[in-house]
PDB file of N, CA and C in Angstrom:
ATOM      1  N   MET A   1     134.431  79.961  82.751  1.00  0.00           N
ATOM      2  CA  MET A   1     133.302  80.206  83.627  1.00  0.00           C
ATOM      3  C   MET A   1     132.498  81.374  83.045  1.00  0.00           C
ATOM      4  N   LYS A   2     131.190  81.185  82.929  1.00  0.00           N
ATOM      5  CA  LYS A   2     130.345  82.181  82.270  1.00  0.00           C
ATOM      6  C   LYS A   2     129.822  83.246  83.214  1.00  0.00           C
ATOM      7  N   ILE A   3     130.038  83.071  84.507  1.00  0.00           N
ATOM      8  CA  ILE A   3     129.596  84.072  85.476  1.00  0.00           C
ATOM      9  C   ILE A   3     130.780  84.961  85.826  1.00  0.00           C
ATOM     10  N   ARG A   4     130.530  86.262  85.876  1.00  0.00           N
ATOM     11  CA  ARG A   4     131.587  87.226  86.161  1.00  0.00           C
ATOM     12  C   ARG A   4     131.276  87.990  87.441  1.00  0.00           C
ATOM     13  N   SER A   5     132.252  88.734  87.910  1.00  0.00           N
ATOM     14  CA  SER A   5     132.075  89.556  89.096  1.00  0.00           C
ATOM     15  C   SER A   5     131.026  90.629  88.837  1.00  0.00           C
ATOM     16  N   GLN A   6     130.225  90.957  89.840  1.00  0.00           N
ATOM     17  CA  GLN A   6     129.146  91.942  89.807  1.00  0.00           C
ATOM     18  C   GLN A   6     127.922  91.489  89.019  1.00  0.00           C
ATOM     19  N   ASP A   7     127.848  90.209  88.620  1.00  0.00           N
ATOM     20  CA  ASP A   7     126.638  89.676  87.995  1.00  0.00           C
ATOM     21  C   ASP A   7     125.586  89.425  89.060  1.00  0.00           C
ATOM     22  N   LEU A   8     124.322  89.561  88.692  1.00  0.00           N
ATOM     23  CA  LEU A   8     123.221  89.205  89.574  1.00  0.00           C
ATOM     24  C   LEU A   8     122.907  87.735  89.317  1.00  0.00           C
ATOM     25  N   ILE A   9     122.929  86.921  90.379  1.00  0.00           N
ATOM     26  CA  ILE A   9     122.695  85.491  90.238  1.00  0.00           C
ATOM     27  C   ILE A   9     121.561  85.063  91.162  1.00  0.00           C
ATOM     28  N   GLN A  10     121.042  83.873  90.893  1.00  0.00           N
ATOM     29  CA  GLN A  10     120.028  83.261  91.742  1.00  0.00           C
ATOM     30  C   GLN A  10     120.506  81.860  92.097  1.00  0.00           C
ATOM     31  N   VAL A  11     120.307  81.477  93.359  1.00  0.00           N
ATOM     32  CA  VAL A  11     120.713  80.153  93.830  1.00  0.00           C
ATOM     33  C   VAL A  11     119.636  79.154  93.426  1.00  0.00           C
ATOM     34  N   ILE A  12     120.052  78.012  92.833  1.00  0.00           N
ATOM     35  CA  ILE A  12     119.083  77.019  92.381  1.00  0.00           C
ATOM     36  C   ILE A  12     119.137  75.732  93.202  1.00  0.00           C
ATOM     37  N   LYS A  13     120.137  75.587  94.079  1.00  0.00           N
ATOM     38  CA  LYS A  13     120.239  74.409  94.932  1.00  0.00           C
ATOM     39  C   LYS A  13     120.716  74.817  96.310  1.00  0.00           C
ATOM     40  N   GLY A  14     120.349  74.025  97.304  1.00  0.00           N
ATOM     41  CA  GLY A  14     120.846  74.253  98.655  1.00  0.00           C
ATOM     42  C   GLY A  14     119.854  74.978  99.537  1.00  0.00           C
ATOM     43  N   ARG A  15     120.305  75.328 100.722  1.00  0.00           N
ATOM     44  CA  ARG A  15     119.402  75.929 101.703  1.00  0.00           C
ATOM     45  C   ARG A  15     119.002  77.357 101.359  1.00  0.00           C
ATOM     46  N   ASP A  16     119.767  78.016 100.499  1.00  0.00           N
ATOM     47  CA  ASP A  16     119.452  79.384 100.088  1.00  0.00           C
ATOM     48  C   ASP A  16     118.740  79.421  98.739  1.00  0.00           C
ATOM     49  N   ARG A  17     118.106  78.338  98.329  1.00  0.00           N
ATOM     50  CA  ARG A  17     117.443  78.232  97.032  1.00  0.00           C
ATOM     51  C   ARG A  17     116.436  79.369  96.844  1.00  0.00           C
ATOM     52  N   GLY A  18     116.519  80.041  95.681  1.00  0.00           N
ATOM     53  CA  GLY A  18     115.589  81.121  95.359  1.00  0.00           C
ATOM     54  C   GLY A  18     116.111  82.506  95.693  1.00  0.00           C
ATOM     55  N   LYS A  19     117.151  82.601  96.516  1.00  0.00           N
ATOM     56  CA  LYS A  19     117.695  83.913  96.877  1.00  0.00           C
ATOM     57  C   LYS A  19     118.556  84.460  95.739  1.00  0.00           C
ATOM     58  N   GLN A  20     118.586  85.789  95.649  1.00  0.00           N
ATOM     59  CA  GLN A  20     119.401  86.451  94.641  1.00  0.00           C
ATOM     60  C   GLN A  20     120.445  87.327  95.314  1.00  0.00           C
ATOM     61  N   GLY A  21     121.571  87.537  94.634  1.00  0.00           N
ATOM     62  CA  GLY A  21     122.623  88.391  95.156  1.00  0.00           C
ATOM     63  C   GLY A  21     123.650  88.704  94.084  1.00  0.00           C
ATOM     64  N   ARG A  22     124.530  89.644  94.382  1.00  0.00           N
ATOM     65  CA  ARG A  22     125.598  90.037  93.454  1.00  0.00           C
ATOM     66  C   ARG A  22     126.868  89.237  93.756  1.00  0.00           C
ATOM     67  N   VAL A  23     127.555  88.851  92.710  1.00  0.00           N
ATOM     68  CA  VAL A  23     128.812  88.119  92.844  1.00  0.00           C
ATOM     69  C   VAL A  23     129.894  89.094  93.281  1.00  0.00           C
ATOM     70  N   GLN A  24     130.565  88.780  94.386  1.00  0.00           N
ATOM     71  CA  GLN A  24     131.646  89.632  94.880  1.00  0.00           C
ATOM     72  C   GLN A  24     132.999  89.169  94.365  1.00  0.00           C
ATOM     73  N   GLN A  25     133.180  87.847  94.280  1.00  0.00           N
ATOM     74  CA  GLN A  25     134.487  87.309  93.918  1.00  0.00           C
ATOM     75  C   GLN A  25     134.307  85.982  93.201  1.00  0.00           C
ATOM     76  N   ILE A  26     135.181  85.729  92.232  1.00  0.00           N
ATOM     77  CA  ILE A  26     135.207  84.466  91.506  1.00  0.00           C
ATOM     78  C   ILE A  26     136.456  83.710  91.937  1.00  0.00           C
ATOM     79  N   ILE A  27     136.294  82.440  92.299  1.00  0.00           N
ATOM     80  CA  ILE A  27     137.434  81.578  92.628  1.00  0.00           C
ATOM     81  C   ILE A  27     137.461  80.495  91.551  1.00  0.00           C
ATOM     82  N   ALA A  28     138.108  80.790  90.424  1.00  0.00           N
ATOM     83  CA  ALA A  28     138.029  79.955  89.229  1.00  0.00           C
ATOM     84  C   ALA A  28     138.679  78.589  89.422  1.00  0.00           C
ATOM     85  N   GLU A  29     139.782  78.527  90.150  1.00  0.00           N
ATOM     86  CA  GLU A  29     140.477  77.241  90.296  1.00  0.00           C
ATOM     87  C   GLU A  29     139.680  76.229  91.119  1.00  0.00           C
ATOM     88  N   LYS A  30     138.714  76.699  91.910  1.00  0.00           N
ATOM     89  CA  LYS A  30     137.859  75.808  92.703  1.00  0.00           C
ATOM     90  C   LYS A  30     136.411  75.795  92.206  1.00  0.00           C
ATOM     91  N   ASN A  31     136.124  76.502  91.099  1.00  0.00           N
ATOM     92  CA  ASN A  31     134.768  76.606  90.537  1.00  0.00           C
ATOM     93  C   ASN A  31     133.762  77.092  91.570  1.00  0.00           C
ATOM     94  N   ARG A  32     134.107  78.158  92.282  1.00  0.00           N
ATOM     95  CA  ARG A  32     133.238  78.697  93.314  1.00  0.00           C
ATOM     96  C   ARG A  32     133.081  80.206  93.135  1.00  0.00           C
ATOM     97  N   VAL A  33     131.971  80.723  93.649  1.00  0.00           N
ATOM     98  CA  VAL A  33     131.719  82.162  93.623  1.00  0.00           C
ATOM     99  C   VAL A  33     131.317  82.610  95.022  1.00  0.00           C
ATOM    100  N   LEU A  34     131.712  83.811  95.377  1.00  0.00           N
ATOM    101  CA  LEU A  34     131.343  84.413  96.653  1.00  0.00           C
ATOM    102  C   LEU A  34     130.249  85.432  96.375  1.00  0.00           C
ATOM    103  N   VAL A  35     129.067  85.221  96.972  1.00  0.00           N
ATOM    104  CA  VAL A  35     127.893  86.045  96.689  1.00  0.00           C
ATOM    105  C   VAL A  35     127.473  86.744  97.968  1.00  0.00           C
ATOM    106  N   GLU A  36     127.159  88.038  97.875  1.00  0.00           N
ATOM    107  CA  GLU A  36     126.774  88.783  99.069  1.00  0.00           C
ATOM    108  C   GLU A  36     125.403  88.331  99.563  1.00  0.00           C
ATOM    109  N   GLY A  37     125.336  88.030 100.858  1.00  0.00           N
ATOM    110  CA  GLY A  37     124.090  87.628 101.491  1.00  0.00           C
ATOM    111  C   GLY A  37     123.696  86.174 101.306  1.00  0.00           C
ATOM    112  N   ILE A  38     124.531  85.386 100.645  1.00  0.00           N
ATOM    113  CA  ILE A  38     124.227  83.976 100.375  1.00  0.00           C
ATOM    114  C   ILE A  38     125.251  83.101 101.098  1.00  0.00           C
ATOM    115  N   ASN A  39     124.789  81.952 101.606  1.00  0.00           N
ATOM    116  CA  ASN A  39     125.632  80.972 102.298  1.00  0.00           C
ATOM    117  C   ASN A  39     126.289  81.583 103.533  1.00  0.00           C
ATOM    118  N   LEU A  40     125.479  82.235 104.357  1.00  0.00           N
ATOM    119  CA  LEU A  40     125.977  82.847 105.585  1.00  0.00           C
ATOM    120  C   LEU A  40     126.168  81.783 106.658  1.00  0.00           C
ATOM    121  N   VAL A  41     127.302  81.840 107.351  1.00  0.00           N
ATOM    122  CA  VAL A  41     127.592  80.934 108.459  1.00  0.00           C
ATOM    123  C   VAL A  41     128.074  81.755 109.646  1.00  0.00           C
ATOM    124  N   LYS A  42     127.972  81.171 110.828  1.00  0.00           N
ATOM    125  CA  LYS A  42     128.460  81.833 112.035  1.00  0.00           C
ATOM    126  C   LYS A  42     129.736  81.143 112.481  1.00  0.00           C
ATOM    127  N   ARG A  43     130.738  81.936 112.825  1.00  0.00           N
ATOM    128  CA  ARG A  43     132.020  81.417 113.283  1.00  0.00           C
ATOM    129  C   ARG A  43     132.306  81.971 114.671  1.00  0.00           C
ATOM    130  N   HIS A  44     132.723  81.093 115.561  1.00  0.00           N
ATOM    131  CA  HIS A  44     133.126  81.503 116.903  1.00  0.00           C
ATOM    132  C   HIS A  44     134.627  81.775 116.840  1.00  0.00           C
ATOM    133  N   THR A  45     135.019  83.017 117.104  1.00  0.00           N
ATOM    134  CA  THR A  45     136.417  83.400 116.925  1.00  0.00           C
ATOM    135  C   THR A  45     137.043  83.831 118.245  1.00  0.00           C
ATOM    136  N   LYS A  46     138.339  83.562 118.338  1.00  0.00           N
ATOM    137  CA  LYS A  46     139.131  84.058 119.461  1.00  0.00           C
ATOM    138  C   LYS A  46     139.648  85.446 119.125  1.00  0.00           C
ATOM    139  N   ALA A  47     139.980  86.196 120.133  1.00  0.00           N
ATOM    140  CA  ALA A  47     140.613  87.492 119.925  1.00  0.00           C
ATOM    141  C   ALA A  47     142.056  87.263 119.511  1.00  0.00           C
ATOM    142  N   THR A  48     142.536  88.058 118.562  1.00  0.00           N
ATOM    143  CA  THR A  48     143.929  87.948 118.125  1.00  0.00           C
ATOM    144  C   THR A  48     144.616  89.277 118.377  1.00  0.00           C
ATOM    145  N   GLY A  49     145.389  89.344 119.422  1.00  0.00           N
ATOM    146  CA  GLY A  49     146.101  90.571 119.765  1.00  0.00           C
ATOM    147  C   GLY A  49     145.127  91.710 119.959  1.00  0.00           C
ATOM    148  N   GLY A  50     145.389  92.822 119.320  1.00  0.00           N
ATOM    149  CA  GLY A  50     144.472  93.949 119.390  1.00  0.00           C
ATOM    150  C   GLY A  50     143.716  94.121 118.087  1.00  0.00           C
ATOM    151  N   VAL A  51     143.852  93.125 117.212  1.00  0.00           N
ATOM    152  CA  VAL A  51     143.294  93.257 115.867  1.00  0.00           C
ATOM    153  C   VAL A  51     141.815  92.903 115.812  1.00  0.00           C
ATOM    154  N   ARG A  52     141.462  91.734 116.352  1.00  0.00           N
ATOM    155  CA  ARG A  52     140.090  91.261 116.220  1.00  0.00           C
ATOM    156  C   ARG A  52     139.503  90.934 117.582  1.00  0.00           C
ATOM    157  N   GLN A  53     138.260  91.306 117.772  1.00  0.00           N
ATOM    158  CA  GLN A  53     137.575  91.055 119.025  1.00  0.00           C
ATOM    159  C   GLN A  53     136.982  89.642 118.999  1.00  0.00           C
ATOM    160  N   ALA A  54     136.939  88.994 120.165  1.00  0.00           N
ATOM    161  CA  ALA A  54     136.372  87.658 120.264  1.00  0.00           C
ATOM    162  C   ALA A  54     134.851  87.728 120.157  1.00  0.00           C
ATOM    163  N   GLY A  55     134.249  86.644 119.684  1.00  0.00           N
ATOM    164  CA  GLY A  55     132.794  86.588 119.603  1.00  0.00           C
ATOM    165  C   GLY A  55     132.330  85.764 118.420  1.00  0.00           C
ATOM    166  N   ILE A  56     131.056  85.869 118.140  1.00  0.00           N
ATOM    167  CA  ILE A  56     130.450  85.140 117.032  1.00  0.00           C
ATOM    168  C   ILE A  56     130.314  86.105 115.864  1.00  0.00           C
ATOM    169  N   ILE A  57     130.978  85.770 114.760  1.00  0.00           N
ATOM    170  CA  ILE A  57     130.878  86.609 113.568  1.00  0.00           C
ATOM    171  C   ILE A  57     130.112  85.849 112.491  1.00  0.00           C
ATOM    172  N   GLN A  58     129.428  86.597 111.643  1.00  0.00           N
ATOM    173  CA  GLN A  58     128.673  86.010 110.548  1.00  0.00           C
ATOM    174  C   GLN A  58     129.380  86.385 109.250  1.00  0.00           C
ATOM    175  N   LYS A  59     129.679  85.370 108.431  1.00  0.00           N
ATOM    176  CA  LYS A  59     130.374  85.663 107.182  1.00  0.00           C
ATOM    177  C   LYS A  59     129.839  84.780 106.064  1.00  0.00           C
ATOM    178  N   GLU A  60     130.163  85.172 104.831  1.00  0.00           N
ATOM    179  CA  GLU A  60     129.736  84.433 103.655  1.00  0.00           C
ATOM    180  C   GLU A  60     130.828  83.476 103.228  1.00  0.00           C
ATOM    181  N   LEU A  61     130.442  82.280 102.841  1.00  0.00           N
ATOM    182  CA  LEU A  61     131.375  81.315 102.287  1.00  0.00           C
ATOM    183  C   LEU A  61     131.071  81.144 100.804  1.00  0.00           C
ATOM    184  N   PRO A  62     132.075  80.742 100.025  1.00  0.00           N
ATOM    185  CA  PRO A  62     131.839  80.543  98.589  1.00  0.00           C
ATOM    186  C   PRO A  62     130.848  79.407  98.338  1.00  0.00           C
ATOM    187  N   ILE A  63     130.141  79.503  97.219  1.00  0.00           N
ATOM    188  CA  ILE A  63     129.172  78.498  96.810  1.00  0.00           C
ATOM    189  C   ILE A  63     129.600  77.956  95.450  1.00  0.00           C
ATOM    190  N   GLN A  64     129.302  76.693  95.217  1.00  0.00           N
ATOM    191  CA  GLN A  64     129.660  76.048  93.955  1.00  0.00           C
ATOM    192  C   GLN A  64     128.967  76.757  92.789  1.00  0.00           C
ATOM    193  N   VAL A  65     129.694  76.995  91.709  1.00  0.00           N
ATOM    194  CA  VAL A  65     129.157  77.753  90.578  1.00  0.00           C
ATOM    195  C   VAL A  65     128.036  76.983  89.881  1.00  0.00           C
ATOM    196  N   SER A  66     128.003  75.657  90.007  1.00  0.00           N
ATOM    197  CA  SER A  66     126.933  74.874  89.388  1.00  0.00           C
ATOM    198  C   SER A  66     125.610  75.025  90.125  1.00  0.00           C
ATOM    199  N   ASN A  67     125.632  75.619  91.315  1.00  0.00           N
ATOM    200  CA  ASN A  67     124.418  75.803  92.105  1.00  0.00           C
ATOM    201  C   ASN A  67     123.794  77.183  91.920  1.00  0.00           C
ATOM    202  N   VAL A  68     124.334  77.971  90.994  1.00  0.00           N
ATOM    203  CA  VAL A  68     123.784  79.307  90.741  1.00  0.00           C
ATOM    204  C   VAL A  68     123.496  79.465  89.257  1.00  0.00           C
ATOM    205  N   ILE A  69     122.597  80.398  88.947  1.00  0.00           N
ATOM    206  CA  ILE A  69     122.262  80.705  87.560  1.00  0.00           C
ATOM    207  C   ILE A  69     122.181  82.227  87.418  1.00  0.00           C
ATOM    208  N   LEU A  70     122.590  82.712  86.279  1.00  0.00           N
ATOM    209  CA  LEU A  70     122.596  84.152  86.019  1.00  0.00           C
ATOM    210  C   LEU A  70     121.176  84.674  85.825  1.00  0.00           C
ATOM    211  N   VAL A  71     120.907  85.869  86.338  1.00  0.00           N
ATOM    212  CA  VAL A  71     119.629  86.545  86.115  1.00  0.00           C
ATOM    213  C   VAL A  71     119.868  87.600  85.031  1.00  0.00           C
ATOM    214  N   CYS A  72     119.105  87.516  83.948  1.00  0.00           N
ATOM    215  CA  CYS A  72     119.261  88.429  82.809  1.00  0.00           C
ATOM    216  C   CYS A  72     118.896  89.847  83.233  1.00  0.00           C
ATOM    217  N   THR A  73     119.660  90.822  82.785  1.00  0.00           N
ATOM    218  CA  THR A  73     119.407  92.217  83.137  1.00  0.00           C
ATOM    219  C   THR A  73     118.249  92.810  82.331  1.00  0.00           C
ATOM    220  N   HIS A  74     117.894  92.184  81.202  1.00  0.00           N
ATOM    221  CA  HIS A  74     116.823  92.710  80.350  1.00  0.00           C
ATOM    222  C   HIS A  74     115.466  92.122  80.706  1.00  0.00           C
ATOM    223  N   CYS A  75     115.383  90.789  80.801  1.00  0.00           N
ATOM    224  CA  CYS A  75     114.088  90.158  81.068  1.00  0.00           C
ATOM    225  C   CYS A  75     113.889  89.812  82.541  1.00  0.00           C
ATOM    226  N   ASN A  76     114.911  90.017  83.382  1.00  0.00           N
ATOM    227  CA  ASN A  76     114.861  89.776  84.826  1.00  0.00           C
ATOM    228  C   ASN A  76     114.435  88.355  85.182  1.00  0.00           C
ATOM    229  N   LYS A  77     114.848  87.391  84.361  1.00  0.00           N
ATOM    230  CA  LYS A  77     114.561  85.986  84.620  1.00  0.00           C
ATOM    231  C   LYS A  77     115.867  85.209  84.722  1.00  0.00           C
ATOM    232  N   PRO A  78     115.891  84.141  85.544  1.00  0.00           N
ATOM    233  CA  PRO A  78     117.073  83.280  85.556  1.00  0.00           C
ATOM    234  C   PRO A  78     117.213  82.618  84.187  1.00  0.00           C
ATOM    235  N   THR A  79     118.417  82.630  83.646  1.00  0.00           N
ATOM    236  CA  THR A  79     118.606  82.135  82.294  1.00  0.00           C
ATOM    237  C   THR A  79     119.970  81.497  82.119  1.00  0.00           C
ATOM    238  N   ARG A  80     120.046  80.608  81.144  1.00  0.00           N
ATOM    239  CA  ARG A  80     121.339  80.065  80.753  1.00  0.00           C
ATOM    240  C   ARG A  80     122.003  81.075  79.821  1.00  0.00           C
ATOM    241  N   ILE A  81     123.305  80.894  79.609  1.00  0.00           N
ATOM    242  CA  ILE A  81     124.081  81.887  78.881  1.00  0.00           C
ATOM    243  C   ILE A  81     124.664  81.261  77.625  1.00  0.00           C
ATOM    244  N   GLY A  82     124.518  81.960  76.508  1.00  0.00           N
ATOM    245  CA  GLY A  82     125.164  81.564  75.274  1.00  0.00           C
ATOM    246  C   GLY A  82     126.201  82.606  74.908  1.00  0.00           C
ATOM    247  N   SER A  83     126.832  82.429  73.761  1.00  0.00           N
ATOM    248  CA  SER A  83     127.790  83.432  73.308  1.00  0.00           C
ATOM    249  C   SER A  83     127.548  83.723  71.834  1.00  0.00           C
ATOM    250  N   ARG A  84     127.881  84.940  71.459  1.00  0.00           N
ATOM    251  CA  ARG A  84     127.689  85.375  70.078  1.00  0.00           C
ATOM    252  C   ARG A  84     128.887  86.215  69.680  1.00  0.00           C
ATOM    253  N   ASP A  85     129.358  86.010  68.448  1.00  0.00           N
ATOM    254  CA  ASP A  85     130.420  86.846  67.904  1.00  0.00           C
ATOM    255  C   ASP A  85     129.798  88.129  67.374  1.00  0.00           C
ATOM    256  N   MET A  86     130.321  89.242  67.838  1.00  0.00           N
ATOM    257  CA  MET A  86     129.800  90.543  67.445  1.00  0.00           C
ATOM    258  C   MET A  86     130.476  90.989  66.142  1.00  0.00           C
ATOM    259  N   PRO A  87     129.873  91.959  65.422  1.00  0.00           N
ATOM    260  CA  PRO A  87     130.449  92.426  64.154  1.00  0.00           C
ATOM    261  C   PRO A  87     131.849  93.030  64.295  1.00  0.00           C
ATOM    262  N   ASP A  88     132.168  93.583  65.480  1.00  0.00           N
ATOM    263  CA  ASP A  88     133.494  94.180  65.663  1.00  0.00           C
ATOM    264  C   ASP A  88     134.553  93.148  66.040  1.00  0.00           C
ATOM    265  N   GLY A  89     134.196  91.856  66.057  1.00  0.00           N
ATOM    266  CA  GLY A  89     135.175  90.798  66.312  1.00  0.00           C
ATOM    267  C   GLY A  89     135.245  90.329  67.748  1.00  0.00           C
ATOM    268  N   THR A  90     134.498  90.932  68.651  1.00  0.00           N
ATOM    269  CA  THR A  90     134.510  90.503  70.047  1.00  0.00           C
ATOM    270  C   THR A  90     133.431  89.456  70.272  1.00  0.00           C
ATOM    271  N   ARG A  91     133.511  88.770  71.388  1.00  0.00           N
ATOM    272  CA  ARG A  91     132.516  87.769  71.757  1.00  0.00           C
ATOM    273  C   ARG A  91     131.722  88.291  72.950  1.00  0.00           C
ATOM    274  N   ALA A  92     130.412  88.149  72.912  1.00  0.00           N
ATOM    275  CA  ALA A  92     129.552  88.666  73.969  1.00  0.00           C
ATOM    276  C   ALA A  92     128.686  87.543  74.534  1.00  0.00           C
ATOM    277  N   ARG A  93     128.301  87.687  75.812  1.00  0.00           N
ATOM    278  CA  ARG A  93     127.377  86.748  76.442  1.00  0.00           C
ATOM    279  C   ARG A  93     125.945  87.111  76.049  1.00  0.00           C
ATOM    280  N   VAL A  94     125.129  86.086  75.795  1.00  0.00           N
ATOM    281  CA  VAL A  94     123.773  86.308  75.313  1.00  0.00           C
ATOM    282  C   VAL A  94     122.804  85.511  76.170  1.00  0.00           C
ATOM    283  N   CYS A  95     121.673  86.137  76.516  1.00  0.00           N
ATOM    284  CA  CYS A  95     120.587  85.469  77.234  1.00  0.00           C
ATOM    285  C   CYS A  95     119.927  84.464  76.301  1.00  0.00           C
ATOM    286  N   LYS A  96     119.733  83.230  76.760  1.00  0.00           N
ATOM    287  CA  LYS A  96     119.116  82.204  75.936  1.00  0.00           C
ATOM    288  C   LYS A  96     117.614  82.420  75.752  1.00  0.00           C
ATOM    289  N   GLN A  97     116.976  83.220  76.636  1.00  0.00           N
ATOM    290  CA  GLN A  97     115.540  83.406  76.546  1.00  0.00           C
ATOM    291  C   GLN A  97     115.171  84.599  75.663  1.00  0.00           C
ATOM    292  N   CYS A  98     115.780  85.757  75.919  1.00  0.00           N
ATOM    293  CA  CYS A  98     115.392  86.962  75.175  1.00  0.00           C
ATOM    294  C   CYS A  98     116.396  87.333  74.066  1.00  0.00           C
ATOM    295  N   GLN A  99     117.508  86.589  73.973  1.00  0.00           N
ATOM    296  CA  GLN A  99     118.527  86.808  72.930  1.00  0.00           C
ATOM    297  C   GLN A  99     119.193  88.169  73.000  1.00  0.00           C
ATOM    298  N   GLU A 100     119.145  88.854  74.147  1.00  0.00           N
ATOM    299  CA  GLU A 100     119.795  90.147  74.330  1.00  0.00           C
ATOM    300  C   GLU A 100     121.222  89.937  74.860  1.00  0.00           C
ATOM    301  N   VAL A 101     122.100  90.866  74.512  1.00  0.00           N
ATOM    302  CA  VAL A 101     123.480  90.817  74.983  1.00  0.00           C
ATOM    303  C   VAL A 101     123.517  91.217  76.461  1.00  0.00           C
ATOM    304  N   ILE A 102     124.210  90.427  77.270  1.00  0.00           N
ATOM    305  CA  ILE A 102     124.309  90.681  78.711  1.00  0.00           C
ATOM    306  C   ILE A 102     125.603  91.422  79.001  1.00  0.00           C
ATOM    307  N   GLU A 103     125.503  92.573  79.628  1.00  0.00           N
ATOM    308  CA  GLU A 103     126.693  93.326  80.064  1.00  0.00           C
ATOM    309  C   GLU A 103     126.407  94.103  81.294  1.00  0.00           C
TER     310      GLU A 103
END
């Protein structure tokens, strides 16, 4: 998966199309990402002992990774991601538009 935690992404499909947010969590085995402020739903919850109060809570659900695209930190545009071998032997993610290393 080419998207990592704390990346800035933009939603390209669904009801939140066009919104941007930071990735909070990667769920690799299900190909999903949890993004702050994206895919918000309301849940009606019961009170559980003294831990949680009853009511309507708003929370984020994971979104399919194919429905998001990375926003480049240099050119500030949504872009696809390539990879490049660096001179020190490591591999880095590269913006396909501006050819800058993404970190």
